[in-house]
């Protein structure tokens, strides 16, 4: 048995949730915030059998898209003398952690 932690951008979370539910995978959603961009994410906890890992990853990949956005300004450099062009970064997609489950109880 495996436990997947999938961290998904909020813009994609409803599509990922719907796709996982339609595919028959029960999920738990937790609202989270990323430390780098301080933007909203959704972390999905998905308990599955070992042979279902690739199928879950494909559903998540299908519904979580990468996109390029301007990086928020650093509050340290807010003086009028600094006028650098805003940098662009890639966000979206999903970060997935796969953990072996030694024991599972539903009591």
PDB file of N, CA and C in Angstrom:
ATOM      1  N   UNK A   1       0.847  -1.175   0.000  1.00  0.00           N
ATOM      2  CA  UNK A   1       0.000   0.000   0.000  1.00  0.00           C
ATOM      3  C   UNK A   1       0.890   1.234   0.000  1.00  0.00           C
ATOM      4  N   UNK A   2       0.412   2.293  -0.646  1.00  0.00           N
ATOM      5  CA  UNK A   2       1.141   3.549  -0.752  1.00  0.00           C
ATOM      6  C   UNK A   2       0.261   4.708  -0.290  1.00  0.00           C
ATOM      7  N   UNK A   3       0.915   5.758   0.170  1.00  0.00           N
ATOM      8  CA  UNK A   3       0.257   7.023   0.455  1.00  0.00           C
ATOM      9  C   UNK A   3       0.924   8.074  -0.404  1.00  0.00           C
ATOM     10  N   UNK A   4       0.144   8.711  -1.271  1.00  0.00           N
ATOM     11  CA  UNK A   4       0.661   9.774  -2.114  1.00  0.00           C
ATOM     12  C   UNK A   4       0.277  11.118  -1.530  1.00  0.00           C
ATOM     13  N   UNK A   5       1.240  12.018  -1.454  1.00  0.00           N
ATOM     14  CA  UNK A   5       1.007  13.420  -1.134  1.00  0.00           C
ATOM     15  C   UNK A   5       1.217  14.159  -2.440  1.00  0.00           C
ATOM     16  N   UNK A   6       0.178  14.759  -2.970  1.00  0.00           N
ATOM     17  CA  UNK A   6       0.291  15.504  -4.225  1.00  0.00           C
ATOM     18  C   UNK A   6      -0.007  16.967  -3.942  1.00  0.00           C
ATOM     19  N   UNK A   7       0.986  17.821  -4.145  1.00  0.00           N
ATOM     20  CA  UNK A   7       0.826  19.254  -3.923  1.00  0.00           C
ATOM     21  C   UNK A   7       0.538  19.898  -5.273  1.00  0.00           C
ATOM     22  N   UNK A   8      -0.641  20.526  -5.371  1.00  0.00           N
ATOM     23  CA  UNK A   8      -1.145  21.034  -6.641  1.00  0.00           C
ATOM     24  C   UNK A   8      -1.527  22.503  -6.477  1.00  0.00           C
ATOM     25  N   UNK A   9      -1.271  23.311  -7.492  1.00  0.00           N
ATOM     26  CA  UNK A   9      -1.673  24.713  -7.491  1.00  0.00           C
ATOM     27  C   UNK A   9      -3.185  24.818  -7.343  1.00  0.00           C
ATOM     28  N   UNK A  10      -3.649  25.810  -6.589  1.00  0.00           N
ATOM     29  CA  UNK A  10      -5.094  25.987  -6.387  1.00  0.00           C
ATOM     30  C   UNK A  10      -5.867  26.122  -7.700  1.00  0.00           C
ATOM     31  N   UNK A  11      -5.235  26.697  -8.722  1.00  0.00           N
ATOM     32  CA  UNK A  11      -5.922  26.858 -10.005  1.00  0.00           C
ATOM     33  C   UNK A  11      -6.297  25.518 -10.627  1.00  0.00           C
ATOM     34  N   UNK A  12      -5.568  24.468 -10.289  1.00  0.00           N
ATOM     35  CA  UNK A  12      -5.809  23.140 -10.863  1.00  0.00           C
ATOM     36  C   UNK A  12      -6.517  22.185  -9.911  1.00  0.00           C
ATOM     37  N   UNK A  13      -6.640  22.551  -8.642  1.00  0.00           N
ATOM     38  CA  UNK A  13      -7.067  21.581  -7.636  1.00  0.00           C
ATOM     39  C   UNK A  13      -8.459  21.018  -7.877  1.00  0.00           C
ATOM     40  N   UNK A  14      -9.398  21.846  -8.327  1.00  0.00           N
ATOM     41  CA  UNK A  14     -10.751  21.300  -8.529  1.00  0.00           C
ATOM     42  C   UNK A  14     -10.775  20.296  -9.685  1.00  0.00           C
ATOM     43  N   UNK A  15      -9.923  20.502 -10.690  1.00  0.00           N
ATOM     44  CA  UNK A  15      -9.871  19.569 -11.819  1.00  0.00           C
ATOM     45  C   UNK A  15      -9.192  18.257 -11.415  1.00  0.00           C
ATOM     46  N   UNK A  16      -8.127  18.368 -10.626  1.00  0.00           N
ATOM     47  CA  UNK A  16      -7.451  17.167 -10.129  1.00  0.00           C
ATOM     48  C   UNK A  16      -8.390  16.382  -9.220  1.00  0.00           C
ATOM     49  N   UNK A  17      -9.073  17.078  -8.318  1.00  0.00           N
ATOM     50  CA  UNK A  17     -10.005  16.417  -7.409  1.00  0.00           C
ATOM     51  C   UNK A  17     -11.099  15.697  -8.185  1.00  0.00           C
ATOM     52  N   UNK A  18     -11.671  16.373  -9.163  1.00  0.00           N
ATOM     53  CA  UNK A  18     -12.736  15.777  -9.969  1.00  0.00           C
ATOM     54  C   UNK A  18     -12.214  14.568 -10.753  1.00  0.00           C
ATOM     55  N   UNK A  19     -11.018  14.712 -11.348  1.00  0.00           N
ATOM     56  CA  UNK A  19     -10.445  13.610 -12.123  1.00  0.00           C
ATOM     57  C   UNK A  19     -10.152  12.390 -11.269  1.00  0.00           C
ATOM     58  N   UNK A  20      -9.619  12.608 -10.070  1.00  0.00           N
ATOM     59  CA  UNK A  20      -9.344  11.489  -9.176  1.00  0.00           C
ATOM     60  C   UNK A  20     -10.632  10.821  -8.710  1.00  0.00           C
ATOM     61  N   UNK A  21     -11.639  11.632  -8.401  1.00  0.00           N
ATOM     62  CA  UNK A  21     -12.926  11.072  -7.964  1.00  0.00           C
ATOM     63  C   UNK A  21     -13.587  10.268  -9.073  1.00  0.00           C
ATOM     64  N   UNK A  22     -13.574  10.802 -10.300  1.00  0.00           N
ATOM     65  CA  UNK A  22     -14.162  10.079 -11.443  1.00  0.00           C
ATOM     66  C   UNK A  22     -13.444   8.770 -11.714  1.00  0.00           C
ATOM     67  N   UNK A  23     -12.132   8.742 -11.440  1.00  0.00           N
ATOM     68  CA  UNK A  23     -11.357   7.513 -11.648  1.00  0.00           C
ATOM     69  C   UNK A  23     -11.508   6.539 -10.486  1.00  0.00           C
ATOM     70  N   UNK A  24     -12.256   6.945  -9.447  1.00  0.00           N
ATOM     71  CA  UNK A  24     -12.541   6.045  -8.334  1.00  0.00           C
ATOM     72  C   UNK A  24     -11.540   6.087  -7.196  1.00  0.00           C
ATOM     73  N   UNK A  25     -10.719   7.130  -7.130  1.00  0.00           N
ATOM     74  CA  UNK A  25      -9.742   7.243  -6.053  1.00  0.00           C
ATOM     75  C   UNK A  25     -10.244   8.207  -4.989  1.00  0.00           C
ATOM     76  N   UNK A  26     -10.496   7.729  -3.783  1.00  0.00           N
ATOM     77  CA  UNK A  26     -10.899   8.641  -2.706  1.00  0.00           C
ATOM     78  C   UNK A  26      -9.708   9.493  -2.279  1.00  0.00           C
ATOM     79  N   UNK A  27      -9.954  10.763  -2.050  1.00  0.00           N
ATOM     80  CA  UNK A  27      -8.879  11.680  -1.685  1.00  0.00           C
ATOM     81  C   UNK A  27      -9.272  12.509  -0.472  1.00  0.00           C
ATOM     82  N   UNK A  28      -8.270  12.968   0.235  1.00  0.00           N
ATOM     83  CA  UNK A  28      -8.444  13.966   1.281  1.00  0.00           C
ATOM     84  C   UNK A  28      -7.705  15.204   0.823  1.00  0.00           C
ATOM     85  N   UNK A  29      -8.387  16.366   0.894  1.00  0.00           N
ATOM     86  CA  UNK A  29      -7.797  17.630   0.468  1.00  0.00           C
ATOM     87  C   UNK A  29      -7.431  18.467   1.684  1.00  0.00           C
ATOM     88  N   UNK A  30      -6.255  19.082   1.616  1.00  0.00           N
ATOM     89  CA  UNK A  30      -5.816  20.001   2.665  1.00  0.00           C
ATOM     90  C   UNK A  30      -5.367  21.295   1.987  1.00  0.00           C
ATOM     91  N   UNK A  31      -5.866  22.427   2.452  1.00  0.00           N
ATOM     92  CA  UNK A  31      -5.422  23.718   1.932  1.00  0.00           C
ATOM     93  C   UNK A  31      -4.034  24.008   2.486  1.00  0.00           C
ATOM     94  N   UNK A  32      -3.077  24.321   1.597  1.00  0.00           N
ATOM     95  CA  UNK A  32      -1.708  24.593   2.006  1.00  0.00           C
ATOM     96  C   UNK A  32      -1.200  25.855   1.312  1.00  0.00           C
ATOM     97  N   UNK A  33      -0.098  26.376   1.804  1.00  0.00           N
ATOM     98  CA  UNK A  33       0.528  27.552   1.213  1.00  0.00           C
ATOM     99  C   UNK A  33       1.989  27.257   0.958  1.00  0.00           C
ATOM    100  N   UNK A  34       2.446  27.559  -0.262  1.00  0.00           N
ATOM    101  CA  UNK A  34       3.848  27.354  -0.597  1.00  0.00           C
ATOM    102  C   UNK A  34       4.729  28.389   0.072  1.00  0.00           C
ATOM    103  N   UNK A  35       5.913  27.996   0.477  1.00  0.00           N
ATOM    104  CA  UNK A  35       6.819  28.897   1.171  1.00  0.00           C
ATOM    105  C   UNK A  35       7.552  29.859   0.258  1.00  0.00           C
ATOM    106  N   UNK A  36       7.806  29.489  -0.996  1.00  0.00           N
ATOM    107  CA  UNK A  36       8.572  30.338  -1.903  1.00  0.00           C
ATOM    108  C   UNK A  36       7.733  31.473  -2.460  1.00  0.00           C
ATOM    109  N   UNK A  37       6.588  31.147  -3.028  1.00  0.00           N
ATOM    110  CA  UNK A  37       5.724  32.171  -3.626  1.00  0.00           C
ATOM    111  C   UNK A  37       4.636  32.650  -2.683  1.00  0.00           C
ATOM    112  N   UNK A  38       4.478  31.964  -1.560  1.00  0.00           N
ATOM    113  CA  UNK A  38       3.424  32.296  -0.600  1.00  0.00           C
ATOM    114  C   UNK A  38       2.052  32.265  -1.271  1.00  0.00           C
ATOM    115  N   UNK A  39       1.871  31.337  -2.179  1.00  0.00           N
ATOM    116  CA  UNK A  39       0.596  31.231  -2.888  1.00  0.00           C
ATOM    117  C   UNK A  39      -0.127  29.969  -2.457  1.00  0.00           C
ATOM    118  N   UNK A  40      -1.414  29.932  -2.748  1.00  0.00           N
ATOM    119  CA  UNK A  40      -2.244  28.831  -2.324  1.00  0.00           C
ATOM    120  C   UNK A  40      -2.023  27.569  -3.123  1.00  0.00           C
ATOM    121  N   UNK A  41      -2.018  26.470  -2.409  1.00  0.00           N
ATOM    122  CA  UNK A  41      -1.928  25.141  -3.000  1.00  0.00           C
ATOM    123  C   UNK A  41      -2.980  24.267  -2.346  1.00  0.00           C
ATOM    124  N   UNK A  42      -3.163  23.104  -2.928  1.00  0.00           N
ATOM    125  CA  UNK A  42      -3.965  22.063  -2.307  1.00  0.00           C
ATOM    126  C   UNK A  42      -3.095  20.828  -2.223  1.00  0.00           C
ATOM    127  N   UNK A  43      -3.047  20.223  -1.058  1.00  0.00           N
ATOM    128  CA  UNK A  43      -2.319  18.971  -0.900  1.00  0.00           C
ATOM    129  C   UNK A  43      -3.340  17.854  -0.811  1.00  0.00           C
ATOM    130  N   UNK A  44      -3.207  16.900  -1.712  1.00  0.00           N
ATOM    131  CA  UNK A  44      -4.087  15.731  -1.738  1.00  0.00           C
ATOM    132  C   UNK A  44      -3.378  14.568  -1.059  1.00  0.00           C
ATOM    133  N   UNK A  45      -4.088  13.864  -0.186  1.00  0.00           N
ATOM    134  CA  UNK A  45      -3.595  12.629   0.414  1.00  0.00           C
ATOM    135  C   UNK A  45      -4.404  11.505  -0.209  1.00  0.00           C
ATOM    136  N   UNK A  46      -3.699  10.545  -0.811  1.00  0.00           N
ATOM    137  CA  UNK A  46      -4.367   9.489  -1.559  1.00  0.00           C
ATOM    138  C   UNK A  46      -3.776   8.149  -1.133  1.00  0.00           C
ATOM    139  N   UNK A  47      -4.566   7.329  -0.494  1.00  0.00           N
ATOM    140  CA  UNK A  47      -4.138   5.997  -0.102  1.00  0.00           C
ATOM    141  C   UNK A  47      -4.551   4.998  -1.175  1.00  0.00           C
ATOM    142  N   UNK A  48      -3.563   4.271  -1.743  1.00  0.00           N
ATOM    143  CA  UNK A  48      -3.851   3.353  -2.856  1.00  0.00           C
ATOM    144  C   UNK A  48      -3.007   2.088  -2.739  1.00  0.00           C
ATOM    145  N   UNK A  49      -3.396   1.091  -3.531  1.00  0.00           N
ATOM    146  CA  UNK A  49      -2.601  -0.123  -3.656  1.00  0.00           C
ATOM    147  C   UNK A  49      -1.392   0.166  -4.539  1.00  0.00           C
ATOM    148  N   UNK A  50      -0.338  -0.604  -4.368  1.00  0.00           N
ATOM    149  CA  UNK A  50       0.908  -0.377  -5.098  1.00  0.00           C
ATOM    150  C   UNK A  50       0.707  -0.297  -6.612  1.00  0.00           C
ATOM    151  N   UNK A  51      -0.146  -1.163  -7.138  1.00  0.00           N
ATOM    152  CA  UNK A  51      -0.329  -1.218  -8.599  1.00  0.00           C
ATOM    153  C   UNK A  51      -1.128  -0.038  -9.152  1.00  0.00           C
ATOM    154  N   UNK A  52      -1.675   0.816  -8.311  1.00  0.00           N
ATOM    155  CA  UNK A  52      -2.463   1.962  -8.767  1.00  0.00           C
ATOM    156  C   UNK A  52      -1.656   3.264  -8.856  1.00  0.00           C
ATOM    157  N   UNK A  53      -0.396   3.229  -8.434  1.00  0.00           N
ATOM    158  CA  UNK A  53       0.415   4.447  -8.371  1.00  0.00           C
ATOM    159  C   UNK A  53       0.503   5.147  -9.724  1.00  0.00           C
ATOM    160  N   UNK A  54       0.847   4.407 -10.765  1.00  0.00           N
ATOM    161  CA  UNK A  54       1.012   5.034 -12.087  1.00  0.00           C
ATOM    162  C   UNK A  54      -0.286   5.640 -12.601  1.00  0.00           C
ATOM    163  N   UNK A  55      -1.406   4.985 -12.333  1.00  0.00           N
ATOM    164  CA  UNK A  55      -2.700   5.505 -12.777  1.00  0.00           C
ATOM    165  C   UNK A  55      -3.038   6.821 -12.075  1.00  0.00           C
ATOM    166  N   UNK A  56      -2.778   6.896 -10.776  1.00  0.00           N
ATOM    167  CA  UNK A  56      -3.034   8.132 -10.033  1.00  0.00           C
ATOM    168  C   UNK A  56      -2.134   9.256 -10.545  1.00  0.00           C
ATOM    169  N   UNK A  57      -0.866   8.947 -10.780  1.00  0.00           N
ATOM    170  CA  UNK A  57       0.059   9.961 -11.292  1.00  0.00           C
ATOM    171  C   UNK A  57      -0.407  10.480 -12.645  1.00  0.00           C
ATOM    172  N   UNK A  58      -0.890   9.622 -13.491  1.00  0.00           N
ATOM    173  CA  UNK A  58      -1.378  10.061 -14.808  1.00  0.00           C
ATOM    174  C   UNK A  58      -2.593  10.975 -14.690  1.00  0.00           C
ATOM    175  N   UNK A  59      -3.504  10.672 -13.781  1.00  0.00           N
ATOM    176  CA  UNK A  59      -4.666  11.552 -13.574  1.00  0.00           C
ATOM    177  C   UNK A  59      -4.201  12.920 -13.089  1.00  0.00           C
ATOM    178  N   UNK A  60      -3.282  12.945 -12.136  1.00  0.00           N
ATOM    179  CA  UNK A  60      -2.774  14.218 -11.627  1.00  0.00           C
ATOM    180  C   UNK A  60      -2.061  14.981 -12.730  1.00  0.00           C
ATOM    181  N   UNK A  61      -1.244  14.301 -13.512  1.00  0.00           N
ATOM    182  CA  UNK A  61      -0.511  14.946 -14.614  1.00  0.00           C
ATOM    183  C   UNK A  61      -1.484  15.543 -15.640  1.00  0.00           C
ATOM    184  N   UNK A  62      -2.560  14.838 -15.909  1.00  0.00           N
ATOM    185  CA  UNK A  62      -3.537  15.299 -16.906  1.00  0.00           C
ATOM    186  C   UNK A  62      -4.202  16.615 -16.491  1.00  0.00           C
ATOM    187  N   UNK A  63      -4.458  16.772 -15.204  1.00  0.00           N
ATOM    188  CA  UNK A  63      -5.241  17.928 -14.745  1.00  0.00           C
ATOM    189  C   UNK A  63      -4.437  19.023 -14.048  1.00  0.00           C
ATOM    190  N   UNK A  64      -3.143  18.870 -13.919  1.00  0.00           N
ATOM    191  CA  UNK A  64      -2.333  19.935 -13.306  1.00  0.00           C
ATOM    192  C   UNK A  64      -1.329  20.427 -14.333  1.00  0.00           C
ATOM    193  N   UNK A  65      -1.500  21.659 -14.767  1.00  0.00           N
ATOM    194  CA  UNK A  65      -0.704  22.227 -15.858  1.00  0.00           C
ATOM    195  C   UNK A  65       0.313  23.235 -15.338  1.00  0.00           C
ATOM    196  N   UNK A  66       1.485  23.248 -15.972  1.00  0.00           N
ATOM    197  CA  UNK A  66       2.500  24.251 -15.654  1.00  0.00           C
ATOM    198  C   UNK A  66       2.193  25.524 -16.428  1.00  0.00           C
ATOM    199  N   UNK A  67       2.526  26.674 -15.837  1.00  0.00           N
ATOM    200  CA  UNK A  67       2.363  27.962 -16.507  1.00  0.00           C
ATOM    201  C   UNK A  67       3.416  28.936 -16.005  1.00  0.00           C
ATOM    202  N   UNK A  68       3.702  29.953 -16.789  1.00  0.00           N
ATOM    203  CA  UNK A  68       4.707  30.945 -16.438  1.00  0.00           C
ATOM    204  C   UNK A  68       3.997  32.194 -15.933  1.00  0.00           C
ATOM    205  N   UNK A  69       4.430  32.687 -14.756  1.00  0.00           N
ATOM    206  CA  UNK A  69       3.824  33.875 -14.141  1.00  0.00           C
ATOM    207  C   UNK A  69       4.933  34.800 -13.654  1.00  0.00           C
ATOM    208  N   UNK A  70       4.622  36.096 -13.476  1.00  0.00           N
ATOM    209  CA  UNK A  70       5.630  36.987 -12.907  1.00  0.00           C
ATOM    210  C   UNK A  70       5.888  36.650 -11.442  1.00  0.00           C
ATOM    211  N   UNK A  71       7.143  36.702 -11.037  1.00  0.00           N
ATOM    212  CA  UNK A  71       7.499  36.433  -9.651  1.00  0.00           C
ATOM    213  C   UNK A  71       7.139  37.650  -8.805  1.00  0.00           C
ATOM    214  N   UNK A  72       6.509  37.436  -7.659  1.00  0.00           N
ATOM    215  CA  UNK A  72       6.155  38.573  -6.811  1.00  0.00           C
ATOM    216  C   UNK A  72       7.419  39.300  -6.352  1.00  0.00           C
ATOM    217  N   UNK A  73       7.336  40.628  -6.172  1.00  0.00           N
ATOM    218  CA  UNK A  73       8.523  41.371  -5.747  1.00  0.00           C
ATOM    219  C   UNK A  73       8.953  40.989  -4.338  1.00  0.00           C
ATOM    220  N   UNK A  74      10.249  41.054  -4.116  1.00  0.00           N
ATOM    221  CA  UNK A  74      10.814  40.776  -2.799  1.00  0.00           C
ATOM    222  C   UNK A  74      10.610  42.021  -1.934  1.00  0.00           C
ATOM    223  N   UNK A  75       9.977  41.890  -0.772  1.00  0.00           N
ATOM    224  CA  UNK A  75       9.711  43.071   0.057  1.00  0.00           C
ATOM    225  C   UNK A  75      10.970  43.796   0.512  1.00  0.00           C
ATOM    226  N   UNK A  76      12.116  43.152   0.475  1.00  0.00           N
ATOM    227  CA  UNK A  76      13.366  43.797   0.876  1.00  0.00           C
ATOM    228  C   UNK A  76      13.748  44.887  -0.126  1.00  0.00           C
ATOM    229  N   UNK A  77      13.375  44.673  -1.395  1.00  0.00           N
ATOM    230  CA  UNK A  77      13.766  45.601  -2.457  1.00  0.00           C
ATOM    231  C   UNK A  77      12.580  46.426  -2.935  1.00  0.00           C
ATOM    232  N   UNK A  78      11.961  47.157  -2.070  1.00  0.00           N
ATOM    233  CA  UNK A  78      10.791  47.946  -2.456  1.00  0.00           C
ATOM    234  C   UNK A  78      11.094  49.428  -2.585  1.00  0.00           C
ATOM    235  N   UNK A  79      12.367  49.810  -2.522  1.00  0.00           N
ATOM    236  CA  UNK A  79      12.715  51.220  -2.653  1.00  0.00           C
ATOM    237  C   UNK A  79      12.538  51.677  -4.092  1.00  0.00           C
ATOM    238  N   UNK A  80      12.407  52.973  -4.268  1.00  0.00           N
ATOM    239  CA  UNK A  80      12.192  53.530  -5.599  1.00  0.00           C
ATOM    240  C   UNK A  80      13.411  53.369  -6.495  1.00  0.00           C
ATOM    241  N   UNK A  81      14.588  53.145  -5.921  1.00  0.00           N
ATOM    242  CA  UNK A  81      15.800  53.047  -6.729  1.00  0.00           C
ATOM    243  C   UNK A  81      15.927  51.706  -7.442  1.00  0.00           C
ATOM    244  N   UNK A  82      15.158  50.735  -7.065  1.00  0.00           N
ATOM    245  CA  UNK A  82      15.256  49.419  -7.688  1.00  0.00           C
ATOM    246  C   UNK A  82      14.060  49.228  -8.621  1.00  0.00           C
ATOM    247  N   UNK A  83      14.341  49.191  -9.914  1.00  0.00           N
ATOM    248  CA  UNK A  83      13.276  49.011 -10.904  1.00  0.00           C
ATOM    249  C   UNK A  83      13.642  47.886 -11.864  1.00  0.00           C
ATOM    250  N   UNK A  84      13.927  46.745 -11.352  1.00  0.00           N
ATOM    251  CA  UNK A  84      14.271  45.611 -12.201  1.00  0.00           C
ATOM    252  C   UNK A  84      13.015  45.073 -12.871  1.00  0.00           C
ATOM    253  N   UNK A  85      13.196  44.550 -14.062  1.00  0.00           N
ATOM    254  CA  UNK A  85      12.073  43.923 -14.760  1.00  0.00           C
ATOM    255  C   UNK A  85      11.630  42.708 -13.966  1.00  0.00           C
ATOM    256  N   UNK A  86      10.319  42.492 -13.862  1.00  0.00           N
ATOM    257  CA  UNK A  86       9.860  41.341 -13.070  1.00  0.00           C
ATOM    258  C   UNK A  86      10.328  40.029 -13.698  1.00  0.00           C
ATOM    259  N   UNK A  87      10.852  39.171 -12.869  1.00  0.00           N
ATOM    260  CA  UNK A  87      11.275  37.855 -13.333  1.00  0.00           C
ATOM    261  C   UNK A  87      10.050  36.983 -13.513  1.00  0.00           C
ATOM    262  N   UNK A  88      10.154  36.016 -14.397  1.00  0.00           N
ATOM    263  CA  UNK A  88       9.052  35.082 -14.613  1.00  0.00           C
ATOM    264  C   UNK A  88       9.507  33.704 -14.142  1.00  0.00           C
ATOM    265  N   UNK A  89       8.565  32.995 -13.551  1.00  0.00           N
ATOM    266  CA  UNK A  89       8.857  31.658 -13.050  1.00  0.00           C
ATOM    267  C   UNK A  89       7.762  30.700 -13.495  1.00  0.00           C
ATOM    268  N   UNK A  90       8.087  29.434 -13.492  1.00  0.00           N
ATOM    269  CA  UNK A  90       7.120  28.402 -13.849  1.00  0.00           C
ATOM    270  C   UNK A  90       6.449  27.890 -12.577  1.00  0.00           C
ATOM    271  N   UNK A  91       5.126  27.874 -12.581  1.00  0.00           N
ATOM    272  CA  UNK A  91       4.349  27.337 -11.465  1.00  0.00           C
ATOM    273  C   UNK A  91       3.396  26.286 -12.018  1.00  0.00           C
ATOM    274  N   UNK A  92       2.718  25.636 -11.124  1.00  0.00           N
ATOM    275  CA  UNK A  92       1.737  24.639 -11.539  1.00  0.00           C
ATOM    276  C   UNK A  92       2.364  23.267 -11.611  1.00  0.00           C
ATOM    277  N   UNK A  93       1.690  22.387 -12.304  1.00  0.00           N
ATOM    278  CA  UNK A  93       2.130  21.008 -12.280  1.00  0.00           C
ATOM    279  C   UNK A  93       1.824  20.441 -10.896  1.00  0.00           C
ATOM    280  N   UNK A  94       2.533  19.427 -10.512  1.00  0.00           N
ATOM    281  CA  UNK A  94       2.313  18.819  -9.202  1.00  0.00           C
ATOM    282  C   UNK A  94       3.627  18.313  -8.656  1.00  0.00           C
ATOM    283  N   UNK A  95       3.751  18.360  -7.349  1.00  0.00           N
ATOM    284  CA  UNK A  95       4.860  17.721  -6.653  1.00  0.00           C
ATOM    285  C   UNK A  95       4.255  16.560  -5.891  1.00  0.00           C
ATOM    286  N   UNK A  96       4.783  15.364  -6.149  1.00  0.00           N
ATOM    287  CA  UNK A  96       4.181  14.152  -5.588  1.00  0.00           C
ATOM    288  C   UNK A  96       5.218  13.398  -4.759  1.00  0.00           C
ATOM    289  N   UNK A  97       4.835  13.077  -3.543  1.00  0.00           N
ATOM    290  CA  UNK A  97       5.640  12.239  -2.665  1.00  0.00           C
ATOM    291  C   UNK A  97       4.908  10.909  -2.516  1.00  0.00           C
ATOM    292  N   UNK A  98       5.639   9.802  -2.625  1.00  0.00           N
ATOM    293  CA  UNK A  98       5.046   8.472  -2.513  1.00  0.00           C
ATOM    294  C   UNK A  98       5.694   7.768  -1.328  1.00  0.00           C
ATOM    295  N   UNK A  99       4.855   7.398  -0.368  1.00  0.00           N
ATOM    296  CA  UNK A  99       5.318   6.809   0.889  1.00  0.00           C
ATOM    297  C   UNK A  99       4.781   5.383   1.017  1.00  0.00           C
ATOM    298  N   UNK A 100       5.641   4.476   1.438  1.00  0.00           N
ATOM    299  CA  UNK A 100       5.179   3.123   1.749  1.00  0.00           C
ATOM    300  C   UNK A 100       4.379   3.156   3.038  1.00  0.00           C
ATOM    301  N   UNK A 101       3.247   2.461   3.045  1.00  0.00           N
ATOM    302  CA  UNK A 101       2.407   2.369   4.241  1.00  0.00           C
ATOM    303  C   UNK A 101       2.632   1.001   4.860  1.00  0.00           C
ATOM    304  N   UNK A 102       3.146   1.015   6.066  1.00  0.00           N
ATOM    305  CA  UNK A 102       3.406  -0.235   6.760  1.00  0.00           C
ATOM    306  C   UNK A 102       2.120  -0.860   7.278  1.00  0.00           C
ATOM    307  N   UNK A 103       1.220  -0.012   7.746  1.00  0.00           N
ATOM    308  CA  UNK A 103      -0.016  -0.514   8.343  1.00  0.00           C
ATOM    309  C   UNK A 103      -1.112   0.518   8.142  1.00  0.00           C
ATOM    310  N   UNK A 104      -2.319   0.053   7.872  1.00  0.00           N
ATOM    311  CA  UNK A 104      -3.463   0.919   7.665  1.00  0.00           C
ATOM    312  C   UNK A 104      -4.614   0.403   8.505  1.00  0.00           C
ATOM    313  N   UNK A 105      -5.218   1.284   9.297  1.00  0.00           N
ATOM    314  CA  UNK A 105      -6.355   0.920  10.125  1.00  0.00           C
ATOM    315  C   UNK A 105      -7.486   1.893   9.876  1.00  0.00           C
ATOM    316  N   UNK A 106      -8.685   1.378   9.827  1.00  0.00           N
ATOM    317  CA  UNK A 106      -9.883   2.218   9.759  1.00  0.00           C
ATOM    318  C   UNK A 106     -10.769   1.762  10.915  1.00  0.00           C
ATOM    319  N   UNK A 107     -10.766   2.533  11.999  1.00  0.00           N
ATOM    320  CA  UNK A 107     -11.489   2.101  13.201  1.00  0.00           C
ATOM    321  C   UNK A 107     -12.642   3.026  13.524  1.00  0.00           C
TER     322      UNK A 107
END
